[in-house]
Amino acid sequence: MEEEKSTGHAVVLSRLSSVVPATPSTGSQIAHLLTDSDLSMKLQYVRAVYYFEKRSVENFCDGKWKEAFLDPLLDYRPVAERLNLAPDGRLYVKCNDAGVRIFEAFSDSNLKDWEDLKDCCLEPELSRTDQNLGSDFSSVTPLVIVQFTRFKCGGVAIGVSWSHVLGDAFSASVFMKEWGESYRRNRSKPCPATCTEHRAEKSRWAPNNQFHKDLWVNTQQENTMMETASFRLSETMVYYLMSQAQDSKSLKPVTPFVAISAFVWKSILKAHPERRYHNALICTNVSKYKKASSRLGNINQILTQVQISNENGSIELSNLDLCKIAQLIQNGGQRTSMNGDGAALVYGSDLTFLNLEHLPCYDLVLEQEGPVHVSYTVEPVGDNGMVIIIPSSEGGKSRVVKVSLYKDELVTLKEEFIQFSIV
C-alpha cells in the first residue's frame, strides 16, 4: 500500500505493510490469555523512539529489517495478533497472524533537528499514536505498530507503539533488542530486490461490532492543560541528588530513581500544596527476563502507593525533607492490586513515578553502534501526572527524566531544575 500523507513537522508516510510470524499459528498458539494485570493496562500504550545516526545505519536495508521480524515473532506471537472477546465477555489475544503494522516514512529535516529532548510534542510524528484500542475497530487494531523514519542526513528513527496489555516497557525493549539481534544475523545476506508485504486475509480483519461496547473509555480526548518535557541529568548531577537524599542513619544506599523521584515530588508539593499530591504511585518491574515466555505480560510490574501526609491529611512544608521523602519511596508503601477492570487509567491515577532506569533500551544495535538517544513514554496519562526515569546515552548514573504535568507545575519544576543547572 503506497501513501503520500503528510503528518506535519516534515514527516511524510510513504508505505504501509504488515509482517507476520515465520510460521502460522496452530494448536495451543491460537489464543493468548490475558491476566488481570494485563487487562488493567488496556487503556495505555508504551511509546518509544530510537534515534540512530547515519554511520549506524549506512547498510540498513528495508527488506532485511522487515524479514528480521519473522523469527522473533515466533517467540512473541501475541505481538502480531489482535484482541478478541471470549463468550464470557473477557478479552483475550486471538492468534490469527494478522501481523505487526509497519509504517515507512521520510523527513526532510536532519536528525539533529529532533535531538532537543525538551520538544516532546514532535515525537508523536515518529511513533504512530492515531491507531489506538478503544475505537469501533479495536478487534482489527494492531497491538504493535513500528514506524521507520529516514532523515535527510541519513539517520533513522525507529518508533514503536506498544499496547500495554501485552506488557510494560521492559517487554517492548527486550522485543526490540531481539529484533536487532535477528537483523544482525541476517544482514550479510543479499538485500531483497523488493520488499514483500505480508498481509492477513481480508476475512481476518472483519470488525466485531459488539467488541467495543462497555469495554473502553474515551482516552483520545487530549488534556490541554498538561504538557510533557524531558530533562537530561548528568552523572554529576545525579550523584549530587543522591547525596542530598541519602539518610545518614540508613545503611541502604539511595538509588538514582529514588533520589530523582524525591526531588521532583518535593518540588511539586512545595510549589503547589493546594493540589494535594499527598499520594504517589511507584511502579517498578521485578522480572529478570530469563526466557521468552516470561517476557510478555504485566505480572512482573509492581505498583505501590506511598503517602506523604500525616493522619489528618495535611502536609507540614517545614518538615518536607528530601531524605524523608526518599526514605518513603525506597521503603515502599502499600502494594496496589490490579483487578482487571481497566475502566480507568493506571498511570496518572495518582502522581506516578515509573522506574525504567534499568531498561535495556540501548542494547538495540543494528550495525556496529546503538542509538544516540532513546525516548520512552506512556500515553495517555491520568490527571495527576507522571514522571518516567530512563537511562541516558551518556551511561553511568546519568538519567533522562520525562515529566507530564499541568503547565504551571511544569514551569515550577523547570525553575527548580535550573537552580541545579539541569536544564
Protein backbone atom coordinates (compact mmCIF):
# COMPACT_ATOMS: atom_id res chain seq x y z
CA MET A 1 0.00 0.00 0.00
CA GLU A 2 1.51 3.30 -1.06
CA GLU A 3 0.63 6.59 0.59
CA GLU A 4 1.69 10.19 0.36
CA LYS A 5 0.34 11.70 3.52
CA SER A 6 1.96 14.49 5.49
CA THR A 7 1.70 14.23 9.26
CA GLY A 8 3.14 17.68 9.89
CA HIS A 9 6.60 18.58 11.19
CA ALA A 10 8.11 17.50 7.84
CA VAL A 11 7.32 13.77 8.21
CA VAL A 12 5.72 12.05 5.21
CA LEU A 13 4.37 8.49 5.32
CA SER A 14 5.33 6.54 2.20
CA ARG A 15 4.40 2.88 2.78
CA LEU A 16 2.16 0.74 4.97
CA SER A 17 2.55 -3.02 5.38
CA SER A 18 2.31 -5.86 7.91
CA VAL A 19 4.76 -8.57 8.96
CA VAL A 20 3.60 -11.94 10.33
CA PRO A 21 5.47 -14.75 12.15
CA ALA A 22 7.62 -17.07 10.02
CA THR A 23 5.17 -19.98 10.51
CA PRO A 24 1.37 -19.96 11.01
CA SER A 25 -0.17 -20.28 14.46
CA THR A 26 -1.53 -23.74 15.29
CA GLY A 27 -2.99 -25.66 18.23
CA SER A 28 -2.25 -24.08 21.61
CA GLN A 29 -0.89 -20.99 19.86
CA ILE A 30 -4.37 -19.93 18.75
CA ALA A 31 -5.12 -17.93 21.92
CA HIS A 32 -3.07 -15.92 24.41
CA LEU A 33 -4.92 -15.40 27.69
CA LEU A 34 -4.61 -12.08 29.49
CA THR A 35 -4.16 -11.72 33.25
CA ASP A 36 -5.98 -9.19 35.42
CA SER A 37 -2.78 -7.15 35.43
CA ASP A 38 -2.78 -7.09 31.62
CA LEU A 39 -6.42 -6.05 31.37
CA SER A 40 -5.91 -3.28 33.92
CA MET A 41 -3.46 -1.67 31.48
CA LYS A 42 -5.60 -1.99 28.35
CA LEU A 43 -6.16 1.77 28.01
CA GLN A 44 -2.49 2.75 27.92
CA TYR A 45 0.36 2.49 25.43
CA VAL A 46 4.13 2.39 25.67
CA ARG A 47 5.65 4.73 23.07
CA ALA A 48 9.33 4.52 22.19
CA VAL A 49 11.62 6.22 19.68
CA TYR A 50 15.16 5.03 18.91
CA TYR A 51 17.41 7.57 17.15
CA PHE A 52 20.31 6.28 15.00
CA GLU A 53 22.98 8.37 13.28
CA LYS A 54 23.93 7.72 9.65
CA ARG A 55 27.08 5.74 10.46
CA SER A 56 24.99 3.29 12.50
CA VAL A 57 22.56 2.52 9.65
CA GLU A 58 24.56 3.02 6.44
CA ASN A 59 23.71 -0.51 5.24
CA PHE A 60 20.21 -0.50 6.68
CA CYS A 61 18.11 -2.28 4.03
CA ASP A 62 14.32 -2.03 4.04
CA GLY A 63 13.83 -5.64 3.02
CA LYS A 64 16.20 -7.04 5.63
CA TRP A 65 14.73 -5.19 8.58
CA LYS A 66 11.27 -6.43 7.67
CA GLU A 67 12.50 -10.01 7.41
CA ALA A 68 14.21 -9.61 10.78
CA PHE A 69 10.77 -9.60 12.45
CA LEU A 70 9.88 -13.10 11.23
CA ASP A 71 11.88 -15.15 13.75
CA PRO A 72 11.34 -13.02 16.90
CA LEU A 73 7.59 -13.16 16.29
CA LEU A 74 7.74 -16.93 16.74
CA ASP A 75 8.62 -16.33 20.42
CA TYR A 76 6.37 -13.28 20.70
CA ARG A 77 3.30 -14.37 18.71
CA PRO A 78 0.81 -12.18 20.61
CA VAL A 79 2.72 -9.13 19.37
CA ALA A 80 1.47 -9.87 15.85
CA GLU A 81 -2.13 -10.62 16.82
CA ARG A 82 -5.41 -8.88 17.69
CA LEU A 83 -7.71 -8.65 20.69
CA ASN A 84 -10.94 -10.60 20.71
CA LEU A 85 -13.86 -11.17 23.04
CA ALA A 86 -14.49 -14.56 24.67
CA PRO A 87 -18.07 -15.83 25.23
CA ASP A 88 -17.76 -14.91 28.92
CA GLY A 89 -17.02 -11.30 27.96
CA ARG A 90 -13.31 -11.39 28.81
CA LEU A 91 -10.74 -10.04 26.39
CA TYR A 92 -8.01 -12.29 25.05
CA VAL A 93 -5.47 -12.19 22.22
CA LYS A 94 -6.61 -14.20 19.21
CA CYS A 95 -3.61 -15.55 17.33
CA ASN A 96 -4.75 -15.12 13.73
CA ASP A 97 -1.39 -13.97 12.32
CA ALA A 98 -2.75 -10.54 11.46
CA GLY A 99 0.74 -9.08 11.78
CA VAL A 100 2.74 -6.20 13.19
CA ARG A 101 1.79 -2.99 11.39
CA ILE A 102 4.76 -1.30 9.69
CA PHE A 103 4.91 2.33 8.58
CA GLU A 104 7.74 3.74 6.50
CA ALA A 105 8.26 7.48 6.43
CA PHE A 106 10.69 10.18 5.36
CA SER A 107 11.59 13.51 6.94
CA ASP A 108 13.23 16.36 5.03
CA SER A 109 14.82 17.52 8.29
CA ASN A 110 18.04 16.29 9.88
CA LEU A 111 18.37 14.04 12.90
CA LYS A 112 19.91 16.83 14.96
CA ASP A 113 16.74 18.87 14.42
CA TRP A 114 14.92 16.28 16.57
CA GLU A 115 17.55 15.99 19.28
CA ASP A 116 16.09 18.69 21.51
CA LEU A 117 14.57 16.39 24.12
CA LYS A 118 12.51 19.19 25.63
CA ASP A 119 10.35 19.41 22.48
CA CYS A 120 8.36 16.24 23.21
CA CYS A 121 5.43 17.42 21.10
CA LEU A 122 7.32 16.34 17.96
CA GLU A 123 7.83 12.71 18.95
CA PRO A 124 4.29 11.54 18.10
CA GLU A 125 5.27 12.18 14.47
CA LEU A 126 7.82 9.37 14.80
CA SER A 127 5.63 6.76 16.51
CA ARG A 128 2.05 6.19 15.47
CA THR A 129 -0.45 7.48 18.03
CA ASP A 130 -3.60 7.59 15.90
CA GLN A 131 -4.49 3.88 15.80
CA ASN A 132 -5.38 3.03 19.38
CA LEU A 133 -7.56 0.45 21.03
CA GLY A 134 -10.92 1.75 22.17
CA SER A 135 -12.41 2.60 18.79
CA ASP A 136 -15.16 0.77 16.92
CA PHE A 137 -12.41 -1.20 15.19
CA SER A 138 -10.49 -2.42 18.25
CA SER A 139 -10.83 -6.03 17.08
CA VAL A 140 -8.73 -5.21 14.00
CA THR A 141 -6.43 -2.63 15.59
CA PRO A 142 -2.80 -3.84 15.74
CA LEU A 143 -1.33 -4.23 19.21
CA VAL A 144 2.11 -3.14 17.99
CA ILE A 145 3.00 -0.58 15.33
CA VAL A 146 6.56 0.15 14.21
CA GLN A 147 7.47 3.23 12.18
CA PHE A 148 10.79 3.64 10.36
CA THR A 149 11.58 7.28 9.54
CA ARG A 150 14.57 8.19 7.39
CA PHE A 151 16.05 11.67 7.80
CA LYS A 152 17.62 13.79 5.09
CA CYS A 153 21.02 13.40 6.76
CA GLY A 154 20.86 9.59 6.50
CA GLY A 155 19.88 8.95 10.11
CA VAL A 156 16.93 6.78 11.09
CA ALA A 157 14.32 6.93 13.84
CA ILE A 158 12.51 3.74 14.84
CA GLY A 159 9.24 4.47 16.59
CA VAL A 160 7.30 1.80 18.49
CA SER A 161 3.70 1.97 19.65
CA TRP A 162 3.16 -0.95 22.03
CA SER A 163 -0.16 -1.80 23.67
CA HIS A 164 0.44 -2.10 27.42
CA VAL A 165 -1.95 -5.05 27.50
CA LEU A 166 0.98 -7.08 26.08
CA GLY A 167 3.45 -5.99 28.74
CA ASP A 168 5.32 -2.98 30.06
CA ALA A 169 8.26 -1.01 28.67
CA PHE A 170 10.65 -3.84 29.55
CA SER A 171 8.66 -6.22 27.35
CA ALA A 172 8.79 -3.75 24.46
CA SER A 173 12.50 -3.04 24.94
CA VAL A 174 13.52 -6.71 25.05
CA PHE A 175 11.43 -7.47 21.95
CA MET A 176 13.16 -4.68 20.02
CA LYS A 177 16.55 -5.89 21.27
CA GLU A 178 15.86 -9.37 19.92
CA TRP A 179 14.64 -7.89 16.63
CA GLY A 180 18.02 -6.12 16.37
CA GLU A 181 19.84 -9.40 17.02
CA SER A 182 17.81 -11.06 14.26
CA TYR A 183 18.67 -8.21 11.90
CA ARG A 184 22.40 -8.53 12.58
CA ARG A 185 22.30 -12.30 12.00
CA ASN A 186 20.76 -11.80 8.56
CA ARG A 187 22.49 -8.60 7.44
CA SER A 188 25.18 -10.48 5.47
CA LYS A 189 22.50 -11.96 3.22
CA PRO A 190 21.72 -10.15 -0.05
CA CYS A 191 19.16 -7.42 0.35
CA PRO A 192 15.88 -8.40 -1.37
CA ALA A 193 15.22 -6.51 -4.57
CA THR A 194 11.67 -5.86 -3.42
CA CYS A 195 10.03 -5.78 -0.01
CA THR A 196 7.34 -8.37 0.48
CA GLU A 197 4.24 -7.03 2.17
CA HIS A 198 2.93 -9.75 4.48
CA ARG A 199 -0.80 -9.32 4.95
CA ALA A 200 -3.54 -11.21 6.72
CA GLU A 201 -6.51 -12.43 4.74
CA LYS A 202 -9.32 -9.94 4.45
CA SER A 203 -11.72 -12.14 6.44
CA ARG A 204 -9.44 -11.91 9.46
CA TRP A 205 -9.84 -8.16 9.55
CA ALA A 206 -13.64 -8.09 9.79
CA PRO A 207 -14.61 -5.76 12.67
CA ASN A 208 -16.61 -7.14 15.58
CA ASN A 209 -19.44 -4.65 16.06
CA GLN A 210 -20.03 -5.76 19.66
CA PHE A 211 -16.37 -5.70 20.56
CA HIS A 212 -16.10 -2.14 21.79
CA LYS A 213 -19.28 -1.85 23.83
CA ASP A 214 -18.77 -1.24 27.56
CA LEU A 215 -15.09 -2.17 27.26
CA TRP A 216 -13.42 1.18 26.78
CA VAL A 217 -13.47 4.75 27.93
CA ASN A 218 -12.65 7.64 25.64
CA THR A 219 -8.91 8.08 26.04
CA GLN A 220 -8.49 10.15 22.92
CA GLN A 221 -9.55 13.45 24.48
CA GLU A 222 -6.40 15.47 24.96
CA ASN A 223 -5.86 17.15 28.31
CA THR A 224 -4.82 20.56 27.02
CA MET A 225 -3.80 21.67 30.50
CA MET A 226 -0.96 19.13 30.67
CA GLU A 227 2.39 19.21 28.93
CA THR A 228 5.38 16.90 28.70
CA ALA A 229 9.04 17.84 28.94
CA SER A 230 12.32 15.94 29.20
CA PHE A 231 15.39 16.76 31.28
CA ARG A 232 18.93 15.43 30.93
CA LEU A 233 20.63 14.75 34.25
CA SER A 234 24.38 14.31 34.08
CA GLU A 235 26.09 11.72 36.25
CA THR A 236 27.49 14.52 38.42
CA MET A 237 24.02 15.94 39.00
CA VAL A 238 22.56 12.54 39.85
CA TYR A 239 25.34 11.84 42.34
CA TYR A 240 24.62 15.21 43.96
CA LEU A 241 20.91 14.44 44.30
CA MET A 242 21.73 11.01 45.71
CA SER A 243 24.00 12.57 48.33
CA GLN A 244 21.28 15.04 49.32
CA ALA A 245 18.63 12.30 49.54
CA GLN A 246 20.76 9.79 51.47
CA ASP A 247 19.81 9.37 55.13
CA SER A 248 22.99 9.14 57.20
CA LYS A 249 21.26 6.64 59.50
CA SER A 250 20.31 4.29 56.69
CA LEU A 251 22.65 1.54 55.52
CA LYS A 252 20.74 1.13 52.26
CA PRO A 253 22.09 3.45 49.53
CA VAL A 254 19.61 5.64 47.69
CA THR A 255 19.23 4.79 44.01
CA PRO A 256 19.11 7.39 41.23
CA PHE A 257 15.41 6.64 40.72
CA VAL A 258 14.61 7.26 44.38
CA ALA A 259 16.67 10.47 44.59
CA ILE A 260 15.23 11.97 41.40
CA SER A 261 11.66 10.99 42.30
CA ALA A 262 12.01 12.54 45.75
CA PHE A 263 13.37 15.77 44.25
CA VAL A 264 10.51 16.06 41.75
CA TRP A 265 7.84 15.22 44.32
CA LYS A 266 9.20 17.72 46.82
CA SER A 267 9.37 20.45 44.16
CA ILE A 268 5.72 19.95 43.18
CA LEU A 269 4.49 19.80 46.78
CA LYS A 270 6.44 22.89 47.75
CA ALA A 271 5.07 24.97 44.88
CA HIS A 272 1.51 23.65 44.81
CA PRO A 273 0.49 22.30 48.25
CA GLU A 274 -3.15 23.00 47.42
CA ARG A 275 -3.11 20.33 44.70
CA ARG A 276 -2.92 17.65 47.39
CA TYR A 277 -0.32 15.44 45.76
CA HIS A 278 -0.15 13.54 49.03
CA ASN A 279 -0.13 10.12 47.40
CA ALA A 280 2.22 8.74 44.79
CA LEU A 281 2.16 5.55 42.77
CA ILE A 282 5.58 3.88 42.45
CA CYS A 283 5.93 1.47 39.51
CA THR A 284 8.82 -0.98 39.21
CA ASN A 285 9.49 -4.21 37.32
CA VAL A 286 11.00 -7.23 39.08
CA SER A 287 11.38 -9.57 36.10
CA LYS A 288 14.78 -10.99 35.14
CA TYR A 289 13.52 -11.98 31.68
CA LYS A 290 15.14 -15.41 31.74
CA LYS A 291 13.04 -16.90 28.96
CA ALA A 292 10.87 -15.62 26.13
CA SER A 293 7.62 -16.94 27.60
CA SER A 294 8.02 -14.68 30.66
CA ARG A 295 8.81 -11.52 28.73
CA LEU A 296 5.25 -10.63 27.83
CA GLY A 297 2.64 -9.61 30.35
CA ASN A 298 2.35 -7.18 33.25
CA ILE A 299 2.53 -9.71 36.08
CA ASN A 300 6.08 -8.60 36.98
CA GLN A 301 5.11 -4.95 37.34
CA ILE A 302 4.81 -3.97 41.00
CA LEU A 303 2.69 -0.96 42.00
CA THR A 304 2.96 0.52 45.48
CA GLN A 305 1.20 3.56 46.88
CA VAL A 306 3.19 5.91 49.10
CA GLN A 307 1.51 8.52 51.29
CA ILE A 308 3.31 11.63 52.45
CA SER A 309 0.60 13.37 54.51
CA ASN A 310 0.04 12.93 58.23
CA GLU A 311 -3.02 11.40 59.91
CA ASN A 312 -5.27 14.42 59.36
CA GLY A 313 -4.33 14.59 55.68
CA SER A 314 -2.19 17.75 55.86
CA ILE A 315 1.45 18.36 54.98
CA GLU A 316 3.91 20.32 57.08
CA LEU A 317 6.03 22.04 54.43
CA SER A 318 8.66 22.93 57.01
CA ASN A 319 9.21 19.21 57.59
CA LEU A 320 9.32 18.38 53.89
CA ASP A 321 12.82 16.95 53.94
CA LEU A 322 14.30 15.35 50.81
CA CYS A 323 15.73 12.47 52.86
CA LYS A 324 12.35 11.69 54.40
CA ILE A 325 10.62 11.62 51.02
CA ALA A 326 13.38 9.43 49.60
CA GLN A 327 13.01 7.00 52.50
CA LEU A 328 9.26 6.77 51.95
CA ILE A 329 9.81 5.90 48.30
CA GLN A 330 12.64 3.47 48.95
CA ASN A 331 10.89 1.64 51.79
CA GLY A 332 7.80 1.21 49.65
CA GLY A 333 4.20 1.53 50.66
CA GLN A 334 1.00 -0.41 50.30
CA ARG A 335 1.02 -2.69 47.30
CA THR A 336 -1.75 -1.93 44.83
CA SER A 337 -3.50 -4.83 43.14
CA MET A 338 -4.84 -4.66 39.60
CA ASN A 339 -8.25 -6.30 39.33
CA GLY A 340 -8.50 -6.34 35.56
CA ASP A 341 -11.34 -3.84 35.38
CA GLY A 342 -9.37 -1.44 33.21
CA ALA A 343 -12.11 1.18 33.45
CA ALA A 344 -9.64 3.91 34.43
CA LEU A 345 -6.07 4.87 33.64
CA VAL A 346 -3.48 3.35 35.99
CA TYR A 347 -0.61 5.73 35.25
CA GLY A 348 -1.62 9.16 36.49
CA SER A 349 -4.40 7.95 38.81
CA ASP A 350 -2.06 9.32 41.49
CA LEU A 351 1.16 11.17 40.79
CA THR A 352 3.05 8.28 39.20
CA PHE A 353 6.79 7.55 39.22
CA LEU A 354 7.79 4.88 36.70
CA ASN A 355 11.17 3.25 37.28
CA LEU A 356 12.79 2.45 33.92
CA GLU A 357 16.37 3.21 34.96
CA HIS A 358 17.49 -0.34 34.15
CA LEU A 359 15.63 -0.53 30.85
CA PRO A 360 17.87 -2.26 28.25
CA CYS A 361 16.87 0.23 25.56
CA TYR A 362 20.43 0.94 24.39
CA ASP A 363 21.01 -2.77 23.70
CA LEU A 364 19.32 -2.40 20.31
CA VAL A 365 22.24 -2.43 17.85
CA LEU A 366 21.74 -2.50 14.07
CA GLU A 367 25.22 -2.31 12.56
CA GLN A 368 28.12 -1.58 14.91
CA GLU A 369 26.63 1.02 17.23
CA GLY A 370 23.50 1.54 19.24
CA PRO A 371 21.17 4.55 19.18
CA VAL A 372 22.40 8.02 20.09
CA HIS A 373 19.25 8.57 22.10
CA VAL A 374 16.18 6.58 23.16
CA SER A 375 12.90 8.03 24.37
CA TYR A 376 10.23 6.06 26.25
CA THR A 377 6.91 7.36 27.45
CA VAL A 378 3.39 6.15 28.28
CA GLU A 379 0.13 7.50 26.87
CA PRO A 380 -2.44 8.55 27.85
CA VAL A 381 -1.69 9.75 31.39
CA GLY A 382 -4.24 10.46 34.11
CA ASP A 383 -4.88 13.90 35.60
CA ASN A 384 -2.35 13.55 38.43
CA GLY A 385 0.63 13.36 36.11
CA MET A 386 3.58 11.06 35.61
CA VAL A 387 7.38 11.02 35.93
CA ILE A 388 9.45 8.47 33.96
CA ILE A 389 13.14 7.91 34.69
CA ILE A 390 15.14 6.13 31.98
CA PRO A 391 18.82 5.57 31.12
CA SER A 392 20.76 8.24 29.26
CA SER A 393 23.08 7.71 26.31
CA GLU A 394 25.86 9.15 28.48
CA GLY A 395 25.82 5.95 30.55
CA GLY A 396 26.72 5.50 34.21
CA LYS A 397 24.35 7.18 36.65
CA SER A 398 23.18 9.78 34.12
CA ARG A 399 19.45 9.74 33.50
CA VAL A 400 16.72 11.25 31.34
CA VAL A 401 13.58 12.34 33.18
CA LYS A 402 10.35 12.69 31.23
CA VAL A 403 7.63 14.56 33.09
CA SER A 404 3.92 15.01 32.24
CA LEU A 405 2.28 17.61 34.48
CA TYR A 406 -0.01 20.62 34.37
CA LYS A 407 1.62 23.56 32.64
CA ASP A 408 2.13 25.68 35.76
CA GLU A 409 3.62 22.72 37.65
CA LEU A 410 5.99 22.03 34.79
CA VAL A 411 7.14 25.66 34.82
CA THR A 412 7.85 25.37 38.54
CA LEU A 413 9.79 22.16 38.06
CA LYS A 414 11.88 23.70 35.28
CA GLU A 415 12.79 26.55 37.61
CA GLU A 416 13.87 24.05 40.28
CA PHE A 417 16.00 22.19 37.74
CA ILE A 418 17.58 25.43 36.52
CA GLN A 419 18.87 26.10 40.03
CA PHE A 420 20.91 22.91 39.73
CA SER A 421 21.94 23.60 36.11
CA ILE A 422 19.96 20.63 34.82
CA VAL A 423 18.11 22.40 32.01
